[in-house]
């Protein structure tokens, strides 16, 4: 007997019992984005590999170790997108979205990274993200952070902490990088293997090390804040003042650097201690140089991305926030005549009550077996149609979640009756 084919490791199914929670999550997020005037953009899952090498950076973990890259039949190197920003920028340049325009965009969909699978970290994972182009002041940084705070309010999530930092400009980071490399080079014996590798390629990422044995070394390292120009310092101070004005609590984390090369000035993360090692649920920042780096005109930009699987885990840990959307009604039909009439009745009800959630029994069976299935469905009411009801031109409406008595309702009055009780 042939062995069953399994899903690829780190790529999981979202089953019907779970999909309702995903739809709830996405709907709440989309509602907030619509209220802020953001519009959806949909980009391909696969892009030219060079796009990610030029945007994310050759010496990042994503490009070096994690991308799903392959040659197509034409010999072109393609990559399944590991993140969403680069594709949005490429689409904006290609389609002329940035020329003398302000764009507020959002996206959603699967991303791919060949990581070690664990809870909250997968090889195919889903993100929703926001990108705002053409605005350079701290006010748009404040807006995108305010959007994330409103997500948590809409979802009823608590216990998330906002961490912020500034990375300054590219020129400011060059000066800081030299100082940081000198500091770390004098203490090489304290660096772990990963940090030694990063010392000459991406030393700022050492500051983000999770190795507890390096904690003291990192705490005593020079800070980028000391190398900021007056404009960069003022940008960050104005952002902090805006957060204070909106009563958005935050922590300034000078070791927050993010893992992608294109960030500059503002960076931020929303973190939680409820998911173990995978504590970041939303992260982003400003990337003013990326559009020009990919061939477009200089365009300021800021954005963020959220891992939907981690938000789902948080929702499941706070069950009082979970949506409950059982069917309103379950139509029980006993007998061939009832089945024929019931199907037509159900379609008329859906015409007159677009909000009605109704399951129609299929497959026949006795009244007792159908009624059990109606109860198990979680429906509020069973609609009972048999030969006796047909003869009287009525249908039985039986409450399933309380002890109220069953009511017989005329078939022609059923839509109005259901509108009243639902």
Protein backbone atom coordinates (compact mmCIF):
# COMPACT_ATOMS: atom_id res chain seq x y z
CA UNK A 1 0.00 0.00 0.00
CA UNK A 2 1.38 3.40 -0.99
CA UNK A 3 2.47 5.67 1.83
CA UNK A 4 0.24 8.68 2.41
CA UNK A 5 1.68 11.95 1.13
CA UNK A 6 2.21 14.41 3.99
CA UNK A 7 2.38 18.20 3.99
CA UNK A 8 5.89 19.66 3.65
CA UNK A 9 7.58 20.15 7.00
CA UNK A 10 6.87 23.61 8.33
CA UNK A 11 3.92 24.14 5.96
CA UNK A 12 0.59 23.42 7.59
CA UNK A 13 -3.09 23.18 6.69
CA UNK A 14 -5.67 25.60 8.02
CA UNK A 15 -8.66 23.35 8.66
CA UNK A 16 -12.35 24.35 8.59
CA UNK A 17 -12.56 24.44 12.40
CA UNK A 18 -9.72 27.00 12.38
CA UNK A 19 -10.62 29.07 9.33
CA UNK A 20 -13.40 30.95 11.09
CA UNK A 21 -10.87 32.45 13.51
CA UNK A 22 -8.63 33.43 10.58
CA UNK A 23 -11.54 35.13 8.82
CA UNK A 24 -12.40 36.97 12.04
CA UNK A 25 -8.81 38.16 12.43
CA UNK A 26 -8.47 39.31 8.82
CA UNK A 27 -11.87 41.04 8.81
CA UNK A 28 -11.06 43.07 11.94
CA UNK A 29 -7.69 44.12 10.51
CA UNK A 30 -9.16 45.04 7.11
CA UNK A 31 -11.87 47.10 8.80
CA UNK A 32 -9.24 49.17 10.64
CA UNK A 33 -7.18 49.68 7.47
CA UNK A 34 -10.22 50.82 5.52
CA UNK A 35 -11.00 53.36 8.24
CA UNK A 36 -7.48 54.80 7.86
CA UNK A 37 -7.74 55.00 4.06
CA UNK A 38 -5.28 52.22 3.11
CA UNK A 39 -5.80 50.22 -0.09
CA UNK A 40 -4.88 46.62 -0.84
CA UNK A 41 -2.11 45.62 -3.24
CA UNK A 42 -1.58 42.01 -4.34
CA UNK A 43 1.85 40.98 -5.62
CA UNK A 44 3.16 37.65 -6.98
CA UNK A 45 4.34 34.93 -4.60
CA UNK A 46 7.51 34.46 -6.70
CA UNK A 47 9.87 37.29 -7.67
CA UNK A 48 13.26 37.57 -9.31
CA UNK A 49 15.90 36.55 -6.74
CA UNK A 50 17.85 39.75 -7.37
CA UNK A 51 14.99 41.76 -5.89
CA UNK A 52 15.56 40.28 -2.44
CA UNK A 53 19.35 40.32 -2.69
CA UNK A 54 19.28 44.05 -3.44
CA UNK A 55 16.62 44.94 -0.87
CA UNK A 56 17.06 42.65 2.13
CA UNK A 57 20.85 42.43 1.84
CA UNK A 58 23.30 39.69 0.83
CA UNK A 59 24.66 39.20 4.35
CA UNK A 60 21.31 38.82 6.13
CA UNK A 61 20.20 35.43 7.45
CA UNK A 62 17.19 35.49 5.13
CA UNK A 63 19.24 35.75 1.94
CA UNK A 64 22.14 33.60 3.13
CA UNK A 65 20.19 30.69 4.61
CA UNK A 66 16.42 30.90 4.39
CA UNK A 67 15.15 31.74 0.90
CA UNK A 68 13.42 29.20 -1.33
CA UNK A 69 15.31 29.90 -4.57
CA UNK A 70 15.21 27.92 -7.83
CA UNK A 71 15.89 28.29 -11.56
CA UNK A 72 12.87 28.21 -13.85
CA UNK A 73 12.82 26.68 -17.34
CA UNK A 74 14.28 29.84 -18.83
CA UNK A 75 17.22 29.72 -16.45
CA UNK A 76 16.01 32.72 -14.44
CA UNK A 77 16.62 32.61 -10.69
CA UNK A 78 13.31 32.97 -8.86
CA UNK A 79 12.54 33.11 -5.14
CA UNK A 80 9.36 32.53 -3.18
CA UNK A 81 8.87 35.81 -1.35
CA UNK A 82 10.30 35.77 2.19
CA UNK A 83 8.68 39.12 3.05
CA UNK A 84 6.26 41.59 1.48
CA UNK A 85 7.92 45.01 1.35
CA UNK A 86 10.31 44.36 -1.54
CA UNK A 87 7.49 43.17 -3.79
CA UNK A 88 5.38 46.24 -2.96
CA UNK A 89 8.29 48.52 -3.84
CA UNK A 90 8.99 46.66 -7.09
CA UNK A 91 5.29 46.86 -8.06
CA UNK A 92 5.17 50.56 -7.21
CA UNK A 93 8.22 51.37 -9.34
CA UNK A 94 7.09 49.19 -12.24
CA UNK A 95 3.58 50.66 -12.30
CA UNK A 96 4.45 54.30 -11.61
CA UNK A 97 2.72 54.49 -8.23
CA UNK A 98 5.32 56.69 -6.54
CA UNK A 99 5.83 59.59 -8.96
CA UNK A 100 4.50 62.72 -7.20
CA UNK A 101 2.06 60.53 -5.31
CA UNK A 102 1.37 59.44 -1.75
CA UNK A 103 0.44 55.78 -1.43
CA UNK A 104 -1.01 54.06 1.62
CA UNK A 105 -1.05 50.34 0.83
CA UNK A 106 -1.62 47.03 2.61
CA UNK A 107 -1.05 43.43 1.60
CA UNK A 108 -1.66 39.91 2.87
CA UNK A 109 -0.59 36.43 1.91
CA UNK A 110 1.89 33.60 2.42
CA UNK A 111 5.64 34.13 2.82
CA UNK A 112 8.36 31.47 2.71
CA UNK A 113 11.54 30.99 4.74
CA UNK A 114 13.46 27.77 5.25
CA UNK A 115 13.72 28.02 9.03
CA UNK A 116 13.63 25.42 11.78
CA UNK A 117 9.90 24.93 12.37
CA UNK A 118 8.60 25.55 15.88
CA UNK A 119 5.50 27.00 17.49
CA UNK A 120 4.83 30.37 15.89
CA UNK A 121 7.59 29.96 13.27
CA UNK A 122 6.89 28.12 10.02
CA UNK A 123 8.39 27.71 6.57
CA UNK A 124 5.18 28.92 4.97
CA UNK A 125 3.62 31.60 7.13
CA UNK A 126 1.05 34.33 6.60
CA UNK A 127 1.54 38.06 6.97
CA UNK A 128 -0.52 41.19 6.69
CA UNK A 129 1.48 44.36 6.22
CA UNK A 130 1.19 48.08 5.64
CA UNK A 131 3.41 50.32 3.48
CA UNK A 132 3.13 54.12 3.24
CA UNK A 133 5.12 55.92 0.51
CA UNK A 134 5.87 59.58 -0.12
CA UNK A 135 5.76 60.98 3.43
CA UNK A 136 8.96 61.73 5.33
CA UNK A 137 7.89 63.23 8.65
CA UNK A 138 7.45 61.44 11.99
CA UNK A 139 3.68 61.95 11.70
CA UNK A 140 3.33 59.01 9.30
CA UNK A 141 5.53 56.87 11.56
CA UNK A 142 3.11 57.75 14.35
CA UNK A 143 0.11 56.87 12.17
CA UNK A 144 1.29 53.37 11.31
CA UNK A 145 2.04 52.66 14.98
CA UNK A 146 -1.40 54.01 15.93
CA UNK A 147 -2.91 51.62 13.38
CA UNK A 148 -1.25 48.66 15.09
CA UNK A 149 -2.53 49.80 18.50
CA UNK A 150 -6.03 49.94 17.04
CA UNK A 151 -5.64 46.38 15.73
CA UNK A 152 -5.07 45.12 19.27
CA UNK A 153 -8.10 47.06 20.50
CA UNK A 154 -10.29 45.65 17.71
CA UNK A 155 -9.11 42.11 18.48
CA UNK A 156 -9.34 42.49 22.25
CA UNK A 157 -5.67 41.58 22.69
CA UNK A 158 -3.87 42.68 25.83
CA UNK A 159 -0.34 42.42 27.20
CA UNK A 160 1.52 43.58 24.07
CA UNK A 161 4.48 45.90 24.58
CA UNK A 162 5.69 48.44 22.01
CA UNK A 163 9.47 48.76 21.68
CA UNK A 164 10.94 51.52 19.51
CA UNK A 165 14.37 52.70 18.41
CA UNK A 166 16.03 54.80 15.73
CA UNK A 167 18.75 53.56 13.39
CA UNK A 168 19.58 57.00 12.01
CA UNK A 169 20.62 57.44 8.39
CA UNK A 170 22.99 55.23 6.42
CA UNK A 171 25.85 57.71 6.89
CA UNK A 172 25.26 57.85 10.64
CA UNK A 173 25.28 54.06 10.85
CA UNK A 174 28.65 53.91 9.05
CA UNK A 175 30.26 55.98 11.82
CA UNK A 176 28.56 53.96 14.50
CA UNK A 177 29.45 50.68 12.82
CA UNK A 178 33.17 51.54 12.95
CA UNK A 179 32.96 52.27 16.67
CA UNK A 180 30.93 49.13 17.36
CA UNK A 181 33.36 46.92 15.41
CA UNK A 182 36.29 48.36 17.38
CA UNK A 183 34.49 47.69 20.66
CA UNK A 184 33.58 44.10 19.74
CA UNK A 185 36.95 43.31 18.14
CA UNK A 186 38.68 44.14 21.42
CA UNK A 187 36.41 41.53 23.09
CA UNK A 188 36.40 38.75 20.51
CA UNK A 189 36.88 36.11 23.18
CA UNK A 190 33.39 36.95 24.50
CA UNK A 191 31.65 36.55 21.12
CA UNK A 192 29.85 33.37 20.15
CA UNK A 193 30.32 31.71 16.76
CA UNK A 194 27.37 33.50 15.13
CA UNK A 195 28.56 36.91 16.35
CA UNK A 196 32.10 36.30 15.12
CA UNK A 197 30.67 35.60 11.68
CA UNK A 198 28.60 38.79 11.78
CA UNK A 199 31.42 40.98 13.08
CA UNK A 200 32.69 41.89 9.63
CA UNK A 201 29.47 41.48 7.64
CA UNK A 202 26.56 42.77 9.73
CA UNK A 203 27.80 43.82 13.19
CA UNK A 204 24.60 45.65 14.18
CA UNK A 205 22.81 42.30 14.21
CA UNK A 206 25.06 41.22 17.08
CA UNK A 207 23.11 43.65 19.25
CA UNK A 208 20.02 41.51 18.64
CA UNK A 209 21.70 38.32 19.87
CA UNK A 210 19.55 36.15 22.13
CA UNK A 211 22.59 34.48 23.72
CA UNK A 212 22.31 35.24 27.47
CA UNK A 213 26.08 34.87 27.90
CA UNK A 214 26.56 37.96 25.72
CA UNK A 215 23.97 40.10 27.50
CA UNK A 216 26.45 42.11 29.58
CA UNK A 217 28.75 42.67 26.60
CA UNK A 218 25.86 44.01 24.51
CA UNK A 219 24.54 46.20 27.33
CA UNK A 220 27.91 47.93 27.64
CA UNK A 221 28.35 48.46 23.89
CA UNK A 222 28.23 52.02 22.48
CA UNK A 223 24.77 53.14 21.41
CA UNK A 224 23.74 54.46 18.02
CA UNK A 225 21.87 57.31 19.69
CA UNK A 226 25.23 58.99 20.38
CA UNK A 227 25.98 59.13 16.63
CA UNK A 228 22.71 60.66 15.43
CA UNK A 229 22.60 63.97 13.58
CA UNK A 230 20.29 66.70 14.82
CA UNK A 231 17.59 65.96 12.16
CA UNK A 232 17.54 62.25 13.06
CA UNK A 233 17.43 63.00 16.76
CA UNK A 234 14.59 65.49 16.25
CA UNK A 235 12.63 62.99 14.11
CA UNK A 236 12.79 60.42 16.90
CA UNK A 237 11.93 62.93 19.64
CA UNK A 238 8.88 64.10 17.70
CA UNK A 239 7.73 60.51 17.26
CA UNK A 240 8.07 59.88 20.99
CA UNK A 241 6.14 63.07 21.73
CA UNK A 242 3.38 61.93 19.38
CA UNK A 243 3.16 58.54 21.10
CA UNK A 244 2.89 60.30 24.45
CA UNK A 245 0.12 62.54 23.12
CA UNK A 246 -1.85 59.50 21.94
CA UNK A 247 -1.23 57.69 25.24
CA UNK A 248 0.51 54.81 23.44
CA UNK A 249 2.88 53.28 25.96
CA UNK A 250 6.32 52.32 24.65
CA UNK A 251 9.84 51.35 25.69
CA UNK A 252 12.91 52.76 23.95
CA UNK A 253 15.11 49.74 23.20
CA UNK A 254 18.52 50.93 21.90
CA UNK A 255 19.39 47.32 20.93
CA UNK A 256 16.44 46.98 18.57
CA UNK A 257 17.99 46.84 15.09
CA UNK A 258 15.70 44.60 12.97
CA UNK A 259 17.04 41.95 10.62
CA UNK A 260 16.67 43.64 7.22
CA UNK A 261 19.27 45.98 5.76
CA UNK A 262 16.83 48.51 4.32
CA UNK A 263 15.64 50.05 7.62
CA UNK A 264 16.62 53.61 8.61
CA UNK A 265 15.55 55.92 11.41
CA UNK A 266 12.37 54.61 13.10
CA UNK A 267 12.12 50.89 13.89
CA UNK A 268 9.58 49.26 16.19
CA UNK A 269 8.25 45.94 17.40
CA UNK A 270 5.21 44.80 19.34
CA UNK A 271 6.27 41.93 21.60
CA UNK A 272 4.62 39.54 24.04
CA UNK A 273 5.89 37.12 26.67
CA UNK A 274 3.03 34.68 26.03
CA UNK A 275 4.56 32.90 23.00
CA UNK A 276 7.95 31.83 24.29
CA UNK A 277 10.85 32.47 21.95
CA UNK A 278 8.59 33.82 19.18
CA UNK A 279 7.68 36.97 21.07
CA UNK A 280 7.50 39.46 18.17
CA UNK A 281 4.02 39.67 16.63
CA UNK A 282 4.40 42.88 14.61
CA UNK A 283 7.51 44.73 13.43
CA UNK A 284 8.48 47.46 11.04
CA UNK A 285 10.00 50.85 10.55
CA UNK A 286 11.17 53.44 8.05
CA UNK A 287 13.06 52.54 4.85
CA UNK A 288 13.58 55.80 2.99
CA UNK A 289 16.34 54.56 0.69
CA UNK A 290 14.79 51.34 -0.60
CA UNK A 291 12.81 52.71 -3.55
CA UNK A 292 15.91 54.44 -4.95
CA UNK A 293 18.01 51.37 -4.18
CA UNK A 294 15.70 49.30 -6.39
CA UNK A 295 15.81 51.76 -9.31
CA UNK A 296 13.07 54.26 -8.49
CA UNK A 297 13.19 57.93 -7.56
CA UNK A 298 14.06 58.82 -3.95
CA UNK A 299 10.88 58.11 -1.98
CA UNK A 300 10.43 58.13 1.79
CA UNK A 301 8.58 55.09 3.12
CA UNK A 302 7.53 53.39 6.33
CA UNK A 303 5.66 50.17 7.07
CA UNK A 304 5.23 47.04 9.15
CA UNK A 305 4.27 43.39 8.90
CA UNK A 306 2.39 41.08 11.28
CA UNK A 307 2.64 37.32 11.56
CA UNK A 308 -0.93 36.03 11.47
CA UNK A 309 -0.10 32.65 13.01
CA UNK A 310 1.25 34.38 16.11
CA UNK A 311 -1.83 36.58 16.38
CA UNK A 312 -3.99 33.44 16.10
CA UNK A 313 -2.02 31.88 18.96
CA UNK A 314 -2.62 34.99 21.07
CA UNK A 315 -6.33 34.97 20.30
CA UNK A 316 -6.54 31.32 21.32
CA UNK A 317 -4.81 32.12 24.62
CA UNK A 318 -7.46 34.76 25.34
CA UNK A 319 -10.61 32.71 24.63
CA UNK A 320 -12.97 35.45 25.79
CA UNK A 321 -12.08 37.25 22.55
CA UNK A 322 -12.76 34.35 20.22
CA UNK A 323 -15.63 34.83 17.77
CA UNK A 324 -18.65 32.58 18.16
CA UNK A 325 -20.47 32.24 14.83
CA UNK A 326 -22.63 29.09 14.84
CA UNK A 327 -25.44 28.77 12.29
CA UNK A 328 -28.66 30.63 12.99
CA UNK A 329 -30.78 27.75 11.77
CA UNK A 330 -30.60 24.12 10.65
CA UNK A 331 -33.29 22.97 8.21
CA UNK A 332 -34.56 19.45 8.95
CA UNK A 333 -36.47 17.90 6.01
CA UNK A 334 -38.11 14.48 6.39
CA UNK A 335 -39.50 12.86 3.27
CA UNK A 336 -39.10 13.43 -0.46
CA UNK A 337 -41.80 16.08 -0.69
CA UNK A 338 -40.34 17.99 2.25
CA UNK A 339 -36.89 17.78 0.70
CA UNK A 340 -38.11 19.23 -2.60
CA UNK A 341 -40.03 22.03 -0.90
CA UNK A 342 -37.33 22.69 1.68
CA UNK A 343 -34.56 23.37 -0.84
CA UNK A 344 -36.70 25.99 -2.61
CA UNK A 345 -37.71 27.46 0.74
CA UNK A 346 -34.08 27.74 1.83
CA UNK A 347 -33.14 29.70 -1.30
CA UNK A 348 -36.07 32.09 -0.80
CA UNK A 349 -34.97 32.67 2.78
CA UNK A 350 -31.44 33.46 1.62
CA UNK A 351 -32.87 35.91 -0.92
CA UNK A 352 -34.87 37.76 1.75
CA UNK A 353 -32.40 37.40 4.65
CA UNK A 354 -28.86 37.90 3.29
CA UNK A 355 -27.48 37.85 6.86
CA UNK A 356 -29.02 34.45 7.66
CA UNK A 357 -26.56 31.64 8.40
CA UNK A 358 -28.41 28.41 7.66
CA UNK A 359 -27.42 24.79 7.17
CA UNK A 360 -29.68 22.54 5.12
CA UNK A 361 -29.63 18.86 5.94
CA UNK A 362 -28.52 16.68 3.04
CA UNK A 363 -28.40 12.91 2.75
CA UNK A 364 -31.81 11.98 4.10
CA UNK A 365 -32.34 10.06 7.33
CA UNK A 366 -34.90 9.88 10.08
CA UNK A 367 -36.22 12.85 12.00
CA UNK A 368 -34.29 11.72 15.09
CA UNK A 369 -30.94 11.49 13.29
CA UNK A 370 -31.43 14.83 11.55
CA UNK A 371 -32.43 16.54 14.78
CA UNK A 372 -29.25 15.27 16.48
CA UNK A 373 -27.17 16.76 13.69
CA UNK A 374 -29.05 20.04 14.01
CA UNK A 375 -28.20 20.16 17.71
CA UNK A 376 -24.55 19.27 17.14
CA UNK A 377 -24.23 22.03 14.52
CA UNK A 378 -24.56 24.67 17.25
CA UNK A 379 -27.53 26.28 15.48
CA UNK A 380 -29.89 28.44 17.52
CA UNK A 381 -33.01 27.03 15.86
CA UNK A 382 -34.09 23.89 14.07
CA UNK A 383 -36.53 24.46 11.20
CA UNK A 384 -38.61 21.27 10.94
CA UNK A 385 -40.39 20.37 7.72
CA UNK A 386 -42.16 17.02 7.30
CA UNK A 387 -45.32 15.63 5.69
CA UNK A 388 -47.54 16.92 8.52
CA UNK A 389 -46.12 20.43 8.30
CA UNK A 390 -46.46 20.44 4.50
CA UNK A 391 -50.11 19.43 4.77
CA UNK A 392 -50.74 22.45 7.04
CA UNK A 393 -48.49 24.80 5.02
CA UNK A 394 -46.36 25.53 8.12
CA UNK A 395 -42.87 24.84 9.41
CA UNK A 396 -41.79 24.07 12.97
CA UNK A 397 -39.32 26.49 14.57
CA UNK A 398 -37.67 24.76 17.55
CA UNK A 399 -35.24 26.68 19.83
CA UNK A 400 -32.14 24.56 20.46
CA UNK A 401 -30.31 26.73 23.02
CA UNK A 402 -33.11 27.29 25.54
CA UNK A 403 -36.27 25.59 26.78
CA UNK A 404 -38.75 27.66 24.80
CA UNK A 405 -41.60 25.84 23.10
CA UNK A 406 -41.60 25.00 19.41
CA UNK A 407 -43.69 27.34 17.25
CA UNK A 408 -45.49 26.55 14.01
CA UNK A 409 -45.04 29.36 11.48
CA UNK A 410 -46.70 29.71 8.10
CA UNK A 411 -44.28 29.13 5.24
CA UNK A 412 -45.11 32.49 3.72
CA UNK A 413 -44.45 34.27 7.05
CA UNK A 414 -41.21 32.44 7.89
CA UNK A 415 -38.79 35.09 6.56
CA UNK A 416 -40.39 37.87 8.63
CA UNK A 417 -40.58 35.62 11.70
CA UNK A 418 -36.87 34.76 11.48
CA UNK A 419 -35.94 38.40 10.92
CA UNK A 420 -37.78 39.26 14.13
CA UNK A 421 -36.25 36.57 16.35
CA UNK A 422 -32.71 36.80 14.95
